[in-house]
Amino acid sequence: MSHFPENRPRRLRRTATLRRMVRETALAVDNLVYPIFVRHGEGVREPISAMPDQFRYSPDTAVTCCRQAADLGIPAVILFGIPENKDASGSEGWSSQSVVCRAVENIKRALPDLCVITDVCLCEYTEHGHCGVVRSPDGDIGEIDNDATLPLLAREALSHVRAGADMVAPSDMMDGRVGAIRRALDANGFSHIPIMAYSAKHASAFYGPFREAAGSAPRFGDRRSYQMDPANRREALREMRLDCEEGADILMVKPALPCLDLIRDAAGRFDLPIAAYNVSGEYAMIKAAAERGWLDEKAAAMESLLAIRRAGATLILTYWAIQAARWLRENC
């Protein structure tokens, strides 16, 4: 039997204060990680056409960007490198003189308390744009040599950590790469460095703007042979479990909004923090709609981030991190 009088609405009116008091999910600045693109040069702050209000930075200007993030309370950034030269093995990716290593050194010197994470992958550094070494036995162009890729990824991670990175994030989706990186770090005295694994990274249509920003689109074929089929939920959970067993410290789901169910599954199943990447296409489509007056950018962006948090993500990698931190501060 209802306890409500017939003439009283069932949905009680709430003041702004009461709404905050009974809110089930909270989004905080501490949940945000800001992705930054770094390229060679000095004094560079180059706009990215497909990602309004995002830029490519040189190692010196990346410090300015990171200081802005730190001043807003954002605890971490993740760096993506854009090399000067590319080759078949992505050698600049694992060079101690890479643009990422230079940026890490600069940022940690200026902002020692900021957590600097580095993306570990070959796609930005290879001339073919794939995430692993490509072999072509009998002319079969496009076959990825998984096992030949693992030592290169381990070298890349090790070079970043030696430069001062606080965490590495392998995004390549090669089988066994978390274990290979963990062994390399441990053997070189870096057992304390955590690994944030891109564990359920799907072959998604939402990566287009990123590939323009990083110049990492594959020259032939696609990445469906090693990135995940968005249709497969159980396979995604199996991949996350395998990364746990290999030594991952944080599991990531990518992209975020089409995978809220997987974020929820992962948060309930694994005893590790769950990260989610609010990717470039998710960012760009709201930006485009807002520019046309079809959406309120702040409302749509914050609702999206809150949904990712509600699904169970502890960390959210998002290009809105700077603006979201400001919006959160305004609402305090």
Protein backbone atom coordinates (compact mmCIF):
# COMPACT_ATOMS: atom_id res chain seq x y z
CA MET A 1 0.00 0.00 0.00
CA SER A 2 1.29 3.47 -0.84
CA HIS A 3 2.14 5.80 2.03
CA PHE A 4 1.67 8.86 -0.15
CA PRO A 5 -1.56 10.88 0.07
CA GLU A 6 -3.42 10.80 -3.19
CA ASN A 7 -2.87 14.49 -3.81
CA ARG A 8 0.89 14.43 -3.06
CA PRO A 9 3.45 13.85 -5.85
CA ARG A 10 5.56 10.73 -5.43
CA ARG A 11 8.73 12.49 -6.56
CA LEU A 12 9.69 14.77 -3.67
CA ARG A 13 11.10 18.21 -4.37
CA ARG A 14 14.73 18.60 -3.38
CA THR A 15 16.75 21.70 -2.70
CA ALA A 16 20.20 22.05 -4.26
CA THR A 17 21.76 21.19 -0.90
CA LEU A 18 19.65 18.07 -0.45
CA ARG A 19 20.44 16.95 -3.99
CA ARG A 20 24.14 17.07 -3.16
CA MET A 21 23.60 15.26 0.13
CA VAL A 22 21.79 12.27 -1.38
CA ARG A 23 23.74 12.03 -4.64
CA GLU A 24 24.92 8.47 -5.18
CA THR A 25 27.89 9.18 -7.47
CA ALA A 26 30.49 11.92 -7.20
CA LEU A 27 32.94 13.04 -9.86
CA ALA A 28 36.09 14.65 -8.46
CA VAL A 29 39.18 16.23 -9.97
CA ASP A 30 41.17 13.33 -8.50
CA ASN A 31 39.41 11.02 -10.98
CA LEU A 32 40.81 12.87 -14.01
CA VAL A 33 43.85 12.12 -16.17
CA TYR A 34 44.74 14.59 -18.93
CA PRO A 35 46.08 13.21 -22.26
CA ILE A 36 48.81 15.35 -23.86
CA PHE A 37 50.44 15.03 -27.29
CA VAL A 38 54.14 15.88 -27.45
CA ARG A 39 56.21 16.46 -30.58
CA HIS A 40 59.70 17.65 -31.41
CA GLY A 41 60.59 21.32 -31.45
CA GLU A 42 60.57 24.29 -29.12
CA GLY A 43 57.81 26.73 -28.31
CA VAL A 44 55.24 24.55 -30.11
CA ARG A 45 51.56 24.77 -29.27
CA GLU A 46 49.93 23.45 -32.42
CA PRO A 47 46.12 23.21 -32.67
CA ILE A 48 44.58 19.84 -33.54
CA SER A 49 41.85 20.50 -36.10
CA ALA A 50 39.75 17.42 -35.27
CA MET A 51 39.93 18.11 -31.52
CA PRO A 52 39.04 21.74 -30.76
CA ASP A 53 40.91 23.25 -27.79
CA GLN A 54 43.53 20.47 -27.86
CA PHE A 55 47.13 20.96 -28.99
CA ARG A 56 50.41 19.28 -29.85
CA TYR A 57 53.13 20.52 -27.51
CA SER A 58 56.90 20.49 -27.63
CA PRO A 59 58.68 19.27 -24.48
CA ASP A 60 59.06 22.84 -23.16
CA THR A 61 55.46 23.95 -23.70
CA ALA A 62 54.21 20.61 -22.36
CA VAL A 63 55.52 21.78 -18.98
CA THR A 64 53.31 24.88 -19.18
CA CYS A 65 50.29 22.72 -20.02
CA CYS A 66 51.05 20.33 -17.17
CA ARG A 67 51.48 23.20 -14.72
CA GLN A 68 48.01 24.43 -15.68
CA ALA A 69 46.62 20.95 -14.99
CA ALA A 70 48.46 20.64 -11.68
CA ASP A 71 47.28 24.08 -10.55
CA LEU A 72 43.70 22.88 -11.05
CA GLY A 73 44.36 19.83 -8.89
CA ILE A 74 44.50 17.28 -11.74
CA PRO A 75 46.73 14.55 -10.33
CA ALA A 76 48.04 12.93 -13.53
CA VAL A 77 48.75 13.35 -17.22
CA ILE A 78 49.42 10.75 -19.90
CA LEU A 79 51.85 11.51 -22.72
CA PHE A 80 51.61 10.41 -26.37
CA GLY A 81 54.66 10.92 -28.55
CA ILE A 82 54.82 12.19 -32.12
CA PRO A 83 58.26 11.36 -33.52
CA GLU A 84 60.39 13.24 -36.00
CA ASN A 85 61.18 10.06 -37.93
CA LYS A 86 59.43 6.72 -38.30
CA ASP A 87 60.77 3.32 -39.30
CA ALA A 88 59.67 -0.30 -39.52
CA SER A 89 60.45 -1.11 -35.87
CA GLY A 90 59.38 2.19 -34.30
CA SER A 91 62.88 2.75 -32.94
CA GLU A 92 62.23 6.31 -31.77
CA GLY A 93 59.58 4.91 -29.45
CA TRP A 94 62.16 3.02 -27.41
CA SER A 95 65.03 5.47 -27.76
CA SER A 96 66.27 7.16 -24.58
CA GLN A 97 66.30 10.38 -26.63
CA SER A 98 62.67 10.13 -27.70
CA VAL A 99 60.39 13.13 -27.49
CA VAL A 100 58.44 11.41 -24.70
CA CYS A 101 61.58 10.89 -22.62
CA ARG A 102 62.56 14.52 -23.08
CA ALA A 103 59.07 15.67 -22.09
CA VAL A 104 59.03 13.39 -19.03
CA GLU A 105 62.38 14.77 -17.86
CA ASN A 106 61.19 18.37 -18.28
CA ILE A 107 57.85 17.81 -16.56
CA LYS A 108 59.24 15.89 -13.59
CA ARG A 109 61.96 18.50 -13.09
CA ALA A 110 59.38 21.28 -12.96
CA LEU A 111 56.48 19.40 -11.33
CA PRO A 112 57.83 16.51 -9.28
CA ASP A 113 54.49 15.81 -7.58
CA LEU A 114 52.51 15.44 -10.82
CA CYS A 115 51.99 11.80 -11.80
CA VAL A 116 53.34 11.36 -15.34
CA ILE A 117 52.04 8.32 -17.21
CA THR A 118 53.35 7.35 -20.65
CA ASP A 119 51.59 5.52 -23.42
CA VAL A 120 53.59 2.50 -24.56
CA CYS A 121 52.90 1.48 -28.14
CA LEU A 122 54.63 1.42 -31.52
CA CYS A 123 51.85 2.79 -33.74
CA GLU A 124 52.95 6.44 -33.48
CA TYR A 125 56.56 5.49 -34.32
CA THR A 126 56.25 2.91 -37.11
CA GLU A 127 56.14 3.89 -40.76
CA HIS A 128 53.26 1.46 -41.32
CA GLY A 129 51.20 2.75 -38.36
CA HIS A 130 50.57 -0.61 -36.72
CA CYS A 131 51.05 -1.32 -33.03
CA GLY A 132 53.51 -4.14 -33.55
CA VAL A 133 56.27 -5.41 -35.82
CA VAL A 134 54.88 -6.31 -39.25
CA ARG A 135 56.13 -9.41 -41.00
CA SER A 136 55.30 -10.50 -44.52
CA PRO A 137 56.12 -14.16 -45.07
CA ASP A 138 55.40 -15.12 -48.66
CA GLY A 139 54.22 -11.59 -49.32
CA ASP A 140 51.44 -11.73 -46.72
CA ILE A 141 51.59 -8.03 -45.91
CA GLY A 142 49.95 -6.99 -42.69
CA GLU A 143 50.63 -9.90 -40.36
CA ILE A 144 51.71 -8.71 -36.92
CA ASP A 145 54.56 -10.57 -35.24
CA ASN A 146 53.29 -10.54 -31.68
CA ASP A 147 56.33 -12.14 -30.03
CA ALA A 148 58.86 -9.97 -31.89
CA THR A 149 57.01 -6.89 -30.63
CA LEU A 150 57.17 -7.70 -26.91
CA PRO A 151 60.86 -6.88 -26.31
CA LEU A 152 60.46 -3.56 -28.12
CA LEU A 153 57.52 -2.60 -25.94
CA ALA A 154 59.52 -3.55 -22.86
CA ARG A 155 62.41 -1.38 -24.06
CA GLU A 156 60.04 1.52 -24.66
CA ALA A 157 58.53 1.23 -21.19
CA LEU A 158 61.98 0.98 -19.62
CA SER A 159 63.21 4.10 -21.44
CA HIS A 160 60.22 6.09 -20.18
CA VAL A 161 60.71 4.96 -16.59
CA ARG A 162 64.43 5.74 -16.70
CA ALA A 163 63.48 9.25 -17.82
CA GLY A 164 61.27 9.60 -14.73
CA ALA A 165 57.80 8.32 -15.69
CA ASP A 166 55.68 7.33 -12.70
CA MET A 167 53.55 4.79 -14.57
CA VAL A 168 53.47 3.12 -17.98
CA ALA A 169 50.36 2.30 -19.99
CA PRO A 170 50.76 -0.29 -22.77
CA SER A 171 48.06 0.29 -25.39
CA ASP A 172 49.23 -2.06 -28.15
CA MET A 173 47.05 -5.10 -27.31
CA MET A 174 49.80 -7.63 -28.04
CA ASP A 175 49.38 -10.88 -26.13
CA GLY A 176 51.77 -11.09 -23.18
CA ARG A 177 52.96 -7.50 -23.23
CA VAL A 178 52.03 -6.75 -19.62
CA GLY A 179 54.11 -9.69 -18.43
CA ALA A 180 57.05 -8.71 -20.67
CA ILE A 181 57.01 -5.13 -19.38
CA ARG A 182 56.63 -6.25 -15.76
CA ARG A 183 59.63 -8.56 -16.04
CA ALA A 184 61.77 -5.85 -17.67
CA LEU A 185 60.87 -3.27 -15.03
CA ASP A 186 61.45 -5.68 -12.16
CA ALA A 187 64.80 -6.85 -13.56
CA ASN A 188 66.03 -3.26 -13.79
CA GLY A 189 65.08 -2.13 -10.30
CA PHE A 190 61.68 -0.63 -11.12
CA SER A 191 59.39 -3.10 -9.39
CA HIS A 192 57.61 -0.15 -7.77
CA ILE A 193 56.44 1.28 -11.12
CA PRO A 194 52.77 0.43 -11.81
CA ILE A 195 51.36 -0.70 -15.15
CA MET A 196 48.02 0.64 -16.35
CA ALA A 197 47.06 -1.86 -19.04
CA TYR A 198 44.75 -1.05 -21.94
CA SER A 199 43.06 -4.37 -21.26
CA ALA A 200 39.80 -4.08 -23.19
CA LYS A 201 40.72 -1.83 -26.12
CA HIS A 202 38.24 -2.19 -28.93
CA ALA A 203 38.65 -1.73 -32.65
CA SER A 204 36.46 1.34 -32.41
CA ALA A 205 35.17 3.95 -34.83
CA PHE A 206 35.76 6.59 -32.15
CA TYR A 207 39.56 6.87 -32.53
CA GLY A 208 39.66 8.93 -35.73
CA PRO A 209 40.56 12.34 -34.24
CA PHE A 210 43.33 10.78 -32.14
CA ARG A 211 44.90 9.21 -35.21
CA GLU A 212 44.97 12.62 -36.86
CA ALA A 213 46.49 14.18 -33.75
CA ALA A 214 49.19 11.52 -33.39
CA GLY A 215 49.66 10.76 -37.09
CA SER A 216 49.15 7.09 -36.29
CA ALA A 217 46.57 5.83 -38.79
CA PRO A 218 47.67 2.48 -40.28
CA ARG A 219 48.92 2.70 -43.86
CA PHE A 220 47.30 -0.58 -44.81
CA GLY A 221 44.66 -2.85 -43.34
CA ASP A 222 43.26 -2.15 -39.90
CA ARG A 223 43.86 -3.18 -36.30
CA ARG A 224 41.02 -5.65 -35.89
CA SER A 225 43.40 -8.62 -35.73
CA TYR A 226 44.75 -7.43 -32.36
CA GLN A 227 42.24 -4.88 -31.04
CA MET A 228 39.00 -6.28 -29.69
CA ASP A 229 35.67 -6.88 -31.36
CA PRO A 230 33.14 -4.53 -29.67
CA ALA A 231 30.58 -7.33 -29.84
CA ASN A 232 32.45 -9.60 -27.42
CA ARG A 233 31.79 -9.00 -23.73
CA ARG A 234 33.17 -12.26 -22.35
CA GLU A 235 36.33 -11.99 -24.40
CA ALA A 236 36.91 -8.50 -22.96
CA LEU A 237 36.61 -9.84 -19.42
CA ARG A 238 38.97 -12.69 -20.28
CA GLU A 239 41.56 -10.22 -21.58
CA MET A 240 41.30 -8.23 -18.37
CA ARG A 241 41.76 -11.35 -16.28
CA LEU A 242 44.88 -12.28 -18.26
CA ASP A 243 46.35 -8.82 -17.69
CA CYS A 244 45.68 -9.19 -13.97
CA GLU A 245 47.57 -12.48 -13.98
CA GLU A 246 50.51 -10.92 -15.85
CA GLY A 247 50.93 -8.16 -13.26
CA ALA A 248 48.79 -5.20 -14.29
CA ASP A 249 48.05 -2.73 -11.50
CA ILE A 250 45.19 -0.87 -13.23
CA LEU A 251 42.84 -2.16 -15.96
CA MET A 252 41.57 0.15 -18.66
CA VAL A 253 38.49 -0.03 -20.86
CA LYS A 254 38.52 1.91 -24.14
CA PRO A 255 36.43 3.60 -25.48
CA ALA A 256 34.39 4.58 -22.44
CA LEU A 257 30.84 5.52 -23.42
CA PRO A 258 30.11 2.54 -25.71
CA CYS A 259 31.55 0.24 -23.02
CA LEU A 260 29.82 1.33 -19.82
CA ASP A 261 28.62 -2.25 -19.33
CA LEU A 262 32.21 -3.54 -19.42
CA ILE A 263 33.36 -0.86 -16.98
CA ARG A 264 30.61 -2.00 -14.61
CA ASP A 265 31.50 -5.67 -15.13
CA ALA A 266 35.19 -5.00 -14.51
CA ALA A 267 34.58 -2.89 -11.40
CA GLY A 268 32.49 -5.67 -9.88
CA ARG A 269 34.79 -8.53 -10.86
CA PHE A 270 38.40 -7.39 -10.42
CA ASP A 271 40.10 -6.20 -7.27
CA LEU A 272 42.04 -3.50 -9.13
CA PRO A 273 41.31 0.13 -10.00
CA ILE A 274 39.45 0.50 -13.30
CA ALA A 275 40.36 3.24 -15.76
CA ALA A 276 38.28 4.32 -18.74
CA TYR A 277 39.39 6.36 -21.74
CA ASN A 278 36.85 8.98 -22.82
CA VAL A 279 38.34 8.94 -26.30
CA SER A 280 38.87 11.54 -29.01
CA GLY A 281 35.73 10.70 -30.98
CA GLU A 282 33.54 10.99 -27.89
CA TYR A 283 35.11 14.37 -27.20
CA ALA A 284 34.92 15.59 -30.80
CA MET A 285 31.28 14.70 -31.39
CA ILE A 286 30.10 16.68 -28.35
CA LYS A 287 32.37 19.57 -29.34
CA ALA A 288 30.92 19.55 -32.87
CA ALA A 289 27.33 19.44 -31.64
CA ALA A 290 28.01 22.23 -29.15
CA GLU A 291 29.56 24.42 -31.85
CA ARG A 292 26.31 24.08 -33.82
CA GLY A 293 24.18 24.90 -30.81
CA TRP A 294 22.69 21.41 -30.66
CA LEU A 295 24.06 20.59 -27.19
CA ASP A 296 25.18 22.41 -24.09
CA GLU A 297 28.86 21.41 -23.99
CA LYS A 298 29.32 21.67 -20.23
CA ALA A 299 26.13 19.73 -19.44
CA ALA A 300 26.81 17.00 -22.02
CA ALA A 301 30.48 16.61 -21.10
CA MET A 302 29.86 16.45 -17.36
CA GLU A 303 26.95 14.04 -17.79
CA SER A 304 29.22 11.79 -19.87
CA LEU A 305 32.02 11.86 -17.29
CA LEU A 306 29.55 11.22 -14.47
CA ALA A 307 28.15 8.21 -16.35
CA ILE A 308 31.66 6.77 -16.72
CA ARG A 309 32.28 7.31 -13.03
CA ARG A 310 28.89 5.81 -12.11
CA ALA A 311 29.70 2.71 -14.14
CA GLY A 312 32.69 2.13 -11.86
CA ALA A 313 35.74 3.86 -13.32
CA THR A 314 38.17 5.19 -10.73
CA LEU A 315 40.31 6.99 -13.32
CA ILE A 316 38.96 8.76 -16.39
CA LEU A 317 41.33 9.75 -19.17
CA THR A 318 39.61 12.68 -20.84
CA TYR A 319 40.41 15.66 -23.04
CA TRP A 320 37.93 17.60 -20.92
CA ALA A 321 40.12 17.24 -17.82
CA ILE A 322 41.22 20.90 -17.73
CA GLN A 323 37.75 22.27 -18.38
CA ALA A 324 36.04 19.71 -16.16
CA ALA A 325 38.34 20.66 -13.28
CA ARG A 326 37.26 24.27 -13.72
CA TRP A 327 33.60 23.32 -13.86
CA LEU A 328 33.94 21.23 -10.71
CA ARG A 329 35.63 24.13 -8.95
CA GLU A 330 32.78 26.46 -9.97
CA ASN A 331 30.25 24.06 -8.45
CA CYS A 332 32.05 23.69 -5.10
